[in-house]
């Protein structure tokens, strides 16, 4: 028999909210780089780091964790 590992329907909203506070962070000013040499800038400005590793921009667009090499955090809120 196969059991699902996890789905949103099995996780109560209160638990998701508690973990969101732990694993998600909001920053006012960052630079997101796509390469080691700091030549490829993917984003500058505010960003929300989601618990699943994706970066959410103020426009609602998402940047995949696979596209990001590193992030310089200039200021936190």
N, C-alpha and C. Protein backbone atom coordinates (compact mmCIF):
# COMPACT_ATOMS: atom_id res chain seq x y z
N UNK A 1 0.84 -1.17 0.00
CA UNK A 1 0.00 0.00 0.00
C UNK A 1 0.89 1.24 0.00
N UNK A 2 0.50 2.26 -0.73
CA UNK A 2 1.26 3.50 -0.84
C UNK A 2 0.54 4.60 -0.08
N UNK A 3 1.28 5.31 0.76
CA UNK A 3 0.74 6.44 1.52
C UNK A 3 1.40 7.72 1.06
N UNK A 4 0.63 8.78 0.93
CA UNK A 4 1.26 10.05 0.54
C UNK A 4 2.16 10.55 1.66
N UNK A 5 3.30 11.11 1.29
CA UNK A 5 4.24 11.63 2.28
C UNK A 5 3.67 12.86 2.94
N UNK A 6 3.19 13.80 2.13
CA UNK A 6 2.64 15.02 2.70
C UNK A 6 1.88 15.78 1.63
N UNK A 7 0.75 16.31 2.00
CA UNK A 7 0.02 17.23 1.14
C UNK A 7 -0.54 18.31 2.02
N UNK A 8 -0.88 19.44 1.41
CA UNK A 8 -1.41 20.55 2.18
C UNK A 8 -2.70 20.19 2.90
N UNK A 9 -3.48 19.26 2.36
CA UNK A 9 -4.75 18.93 2.99
C UNK A 9 -4.55 18.20 4.33
N UNK A 10 -3.37 17.59 4.54
CA UNK A 10 -3.11 16.87 5.77
C UNK A 10 -2.47 17.74 6.85
N UNK A 11 -2.02 18.93 6.48
CA UNK A 11 -1.32 19.79 7.43
C UNK A 11 -2.26 20.91 7.86
N UNK A 12 -2.63 20.94 9.13
CA UNK A 12 -3.51 22.00 9.62
C UNK A 12 -2.90 23.39 9.40
N UNK A 13 -3.74 24.34 9.14
CA UNK A 13 -3.30 25.70 8.83
C UNK A 13 -2.46 26.30 9.97
N UNK A 14 -2.79 26.03 11.21
CA UNK A 14 -2.04 26.57 12.35
C UNK A 14 -0.59 26.08 12.33
N UNK A 15 -0.39 24.83 11.97
CA UNK A 15 0.96 24.28 11.90
C UNK A 15 1.73 24.92 10.75
N UNK A 16 1.09 25.07 9.60
CA UNK A 16 1.75 25.73 8.47
C UNK A 16 2.15 27.15 8.83
N UNK A 17 1.28 27.88 9.52
CA UNK A 17 1.59 29.26 9.92
C UNK A 17 2.77 29.31 10.88
N UNK A 18 2.82 28.38 11.81
CA UNK A 18 3.93 28.35 12.78
C UNK A 18 5.26 28.11 12.07
N UNK A 19 5.29 27.17 11.14
CA UNK A 19 6.52 26.90 10.41
C UNK A 19 6.87 28.02 9.44
N UNK A 20 5.87 28.69 8.92
CA UNK A 20 6.11 29.81 8.01
C UNK A 20 6.92 30.89 8.73
N UNK A 21 6.60 31.16 9.99
CA UNK A 21 7.33 32.17 10.76
C UNK A 21 8.77 31.76 10.99
N UNK A 22 9.02 30.46 11.10
CA UNK A 22 10.37 29.97 11.34
C UNK A 22 11.20 29.95 10.06
N UNK A 23 10.61 29.47 8.96
CA UNK A 23 11.38 29.20 7.75
C UNK A 23 11.28 30.29 6.68
N UNK A 24 10.36 31.21 6.80
CA UNK A 24 10.24 32.26 5.79
C UNK A 24 10.74 33.57 6.36
N UNK A 25 11.47 34.30 5.51
CA UNK A 25 12.06 35.56 5.92
C UNK A 25 11.80 36.62 4.87
N UNK A 26 11.63 37.83 5.33
CA UNK A 26 11.39 38.98 4.46
C UNK A 26 12.61 39.92 4.60
N UNK A 27 13.13 40.36 3.47
CA UNK A 27 14.27 41.28 3.47
C UNK A 27 13.93 42.50 2.63
N UNK A 28 14.37 43.67 3.10
CA UNK A 28 14.09 44.91 2.39
C UNK A 28 15.03 45.15 1.21
N UNK A 29 16.28 44.70 1.34
CA UNK A 29 17.27 45.01 0.31
C UNK A 29 18.28 43.88 0.19
N UNK A 30 18.21 43.16 -0.91
CA UNK A 30 19.14 42.07 -1.19
C UNK A 30 19.61 42.17 -2.63
N UNK A 31 20.68 41.45 -2.93
CA UNK A 31 21.11 41.23 -4.30
C UNK A 31 21.17 39.72 -4.48
N UNK A 32 20.46 39.22 -5.48
CA UNK A 32 20.40 37.78 -5.76
C UNK A 32 21.27 37.52 -6.99
N UNK A 33 22.28 36.67 -6.81
CA UNK A 33 23.22 36.37 -7.89
C UNK A 33 22.98 34.98 -8.45
N UNK A 34 23.19 34.85 -9.75
CA UNK A 34 23.04 33.57 -10.42
C UNK A 34 24.36 32.89 -10.71
N UNK A 35 25.48 33.53 -10.30
CA UNK A 35 26.80 32.95 -10.56
C UNK A 35 27.77 33.31 -9.45
N UNK A 36 28.87 32.60 -9.40
CA UNK A 36 29.87 32.79 -8.35
C UNK A 36 30.62 34.12 -8.48
N UNK A 37 30.82 34.59 -9.69
CA UNK A 37 31.62 35.78 -9.94
C UNK A 37 30.85 37.09 -9.75
N UNK A 38 29.59 37.03 -9.37
CA UNK A 38 28.73 38.21 -9.18
C UNK A 38 28.48 38.98 -10.47
N UNK A 39 28.53 38.30 -11.61
CA UNK A 39 28.26 38.95 -12.89
C UNK A 39 26.78 38.91 -13.25
N UNK A 40 26.10 37.86 -12.85
CA UNK A 40 24.68 37.69 -13.20
C UNK A 40 23.82 38.06 -12.00
N UNK A 41 23.22 39.25 -12.06
CA UNK A 41 22.32 39.71 -11.00
C UNK A 41 20.90 39.35 -11.41
N UNK A 42 20.25 38.51 -10.61
CA UNK A 42 18.89 38.09 -10.91
C UNK A 42 17.85 39.06 -10.35
N UNK A 43 18.21 39.73 -9.24
CA UNK A 43 17.25 40.65 -8.60
C UNK A 43 17.99 41.52 -7.60
N UNK A 44 17.55 42.78 -7.50
CA UNK A 44 18.00 43.70 -6.45
C UNK A 44 16.78 44.32 -5.82
N UNK A 45 16.75 44.36 -4.50
CA UNK A 45 15.63 44.98 -3.79
C UNK A 45 15.00 44.04 -2.79
N UNK A 46 13.72 44.28 -2.47
CA UNK A 46 13.04 43.46 -1.47
C UNK A 46 12.74 42.06 -2.00
N UNK A 47 12.70 41.11 -1.08
CA UNK A 47 12.41 39.73 -1.44
C UNK A 47 11.88 39.00 -0.21
N UNK A 48 11.05 37.99 -0.46
CA UNK A 48 10.59 37.10 0.61
C UNK A 48 11.15 35.72 0.31
N UNK A 49 11.91 35.18 1.26
CA UNK A 49 12.44 33.83 1.12
C UNK A 49 11.41 32.87 1.69
N UNK A 50 10.84 32.08 0.80
CA UNK A 50 9.80 31.15 1.22
C UNK A 50 10.39 29.89 1.84
N UNK A 51 9.60 29.20 2.59
CA UNK A 51 10.03 27.99 3.27
C UNK A 51 10.43 26.86 2.34
N UNK A 52 9.94 26.91 1.10
CA UNK A 52 10.28 25.86 0.14
C UNK A 52 11.53 26.19 -0.68
N UNK A 53 12.21 27.31 -0.34
CA UNK A 53 13.45 27.67 -1.01
C UNK A 53 13.29 28.66 -2.14
N UNK A 54 12.09 28.89 -2.60
CA UNK A 54 11.86 29.83 -3.68
C UNK A 54 11.90 31.25 -3.15
N UNK A 55 12.30 32.18 -3.99
CA UNK A 55 12.31 33.60 -3.64
C UNK A 55 11.13 34.28 -4.29
N UNK A 56 10.36 35.00 -3.51
CA UNK A 56 9.19 35.71 -4.04
C UNK A 56 9.52 37.20 -4.14
N UNK A 57 9.37 37.74 -5.35
CA UNK A 57 9.62 39.15 -5.60
C UNK A 57 8.36 39.96 -5.31
N UNK A 58 8.50 41.28 -5.13
CA UNK A 58 7.32 42.11 -4.85
C UNK A 58 6.25 42.03 -5.95
N UNK A 59 6.65 41.69 -7.16
CA UNK A 59 5.71 41.57 -8.27
C UNK A 59 4.91 40.28 -8.22
N UNK A 60 5.32 39.36 -7.31
CA UNK A 60 4.67 38.06 -7.24
C UNK A 60 5.41 36.99 -8.01
N UNK A 61 6.38 37.39 -8.82
CA UNK A 61 7.17 36.39 -9.56
C UNK A 61 8.06 35.63 -8.60
N UNK A 62 8.43 34.42 -8.99
CA UNK A 62 9.26 33.55 -8.15
C UNK A 62 10.58 33.25 -8.85
N UNK A 63 11.64 33.15 -8.05
CA UNK A 63 12.94 32.71 -8.56
C UNK A 63 13.23 31.35 -7.95
N UNK A 64 13.54 30.39 -8.82
CA UNK A 64 13.82 29.03 -8.39
C UNK A 64 15.10 28.97 -7.58
N UNK A 65 15.14 28.13 -6.54
CA UNK A 65 16.38 27.97 -5.78
C UNK A 65 17.52 27.42 -6.65
N UNK A 66 17.19 26.72 -7.71
CA UNK A 66 18.21 26.18 -8.61
C UNK A 66 18.90 27.27 -9.42
N UNK A 67 18.25 28.42 -9.59
CA UNK A 67 18.82 29.53 -10.38
C UNK A 67 19.74 30.40 -9.54
N UNK A 68 19.64 30.31 -8.21
CA UNK A 68 20.37 31.21 -7.32
C UNK A 68 21.69 30.58 -6.88
N UNK A 69 22.78 31.34 -7.06
CA UNK A 69 24.07 30.89 -6.53
C UNK A 69 24.24 31.37 -5.10
N UNK A 70 24.00 32.67 -4.88
CA UNK A 70 24.06 33.20 -3.52
C UNK A 70 23.31 34.52 -3.43
N UNK A 71 23.09 34.97 -2.20
CA UNK A 71 22.34 36.20 -1.93
C UNK A 71 23.14 37.05 -0.96
N UNK A 72 23.31 38.31 -1.29
CA UNK A 72 23.90 39.28 -0.36
C UNK A 72 22.75 40.04 0.27
N UNK A 73 22.65 39.99 1.59
CA UNK A 73 21.60 40.68 2.31
C UNK A 73 22.14 42.03 2.77
N UNK A 74 21.53 43.09 2.27
CA UNK A 74 21.95 44.45 2.64
C UNK A 74 21.22 44.94 3.87
N UNK A 75 19.92 44.63 3.97
CA UNK A 75 19.16 45.02 5.16
C UNK A 75 17.96 44.12 5.35
N UNK A 76 17.61 43.89 6.61
CA UNK A 76 16.44 43.09 6.96
C UNK A 76 15.35 44.03 7.45
N UNK A 77 14.11 43.56 7.42
CA UNK A 77 13.05 44.40 8.00
C UNK A 77 12.65 43.87 9.33
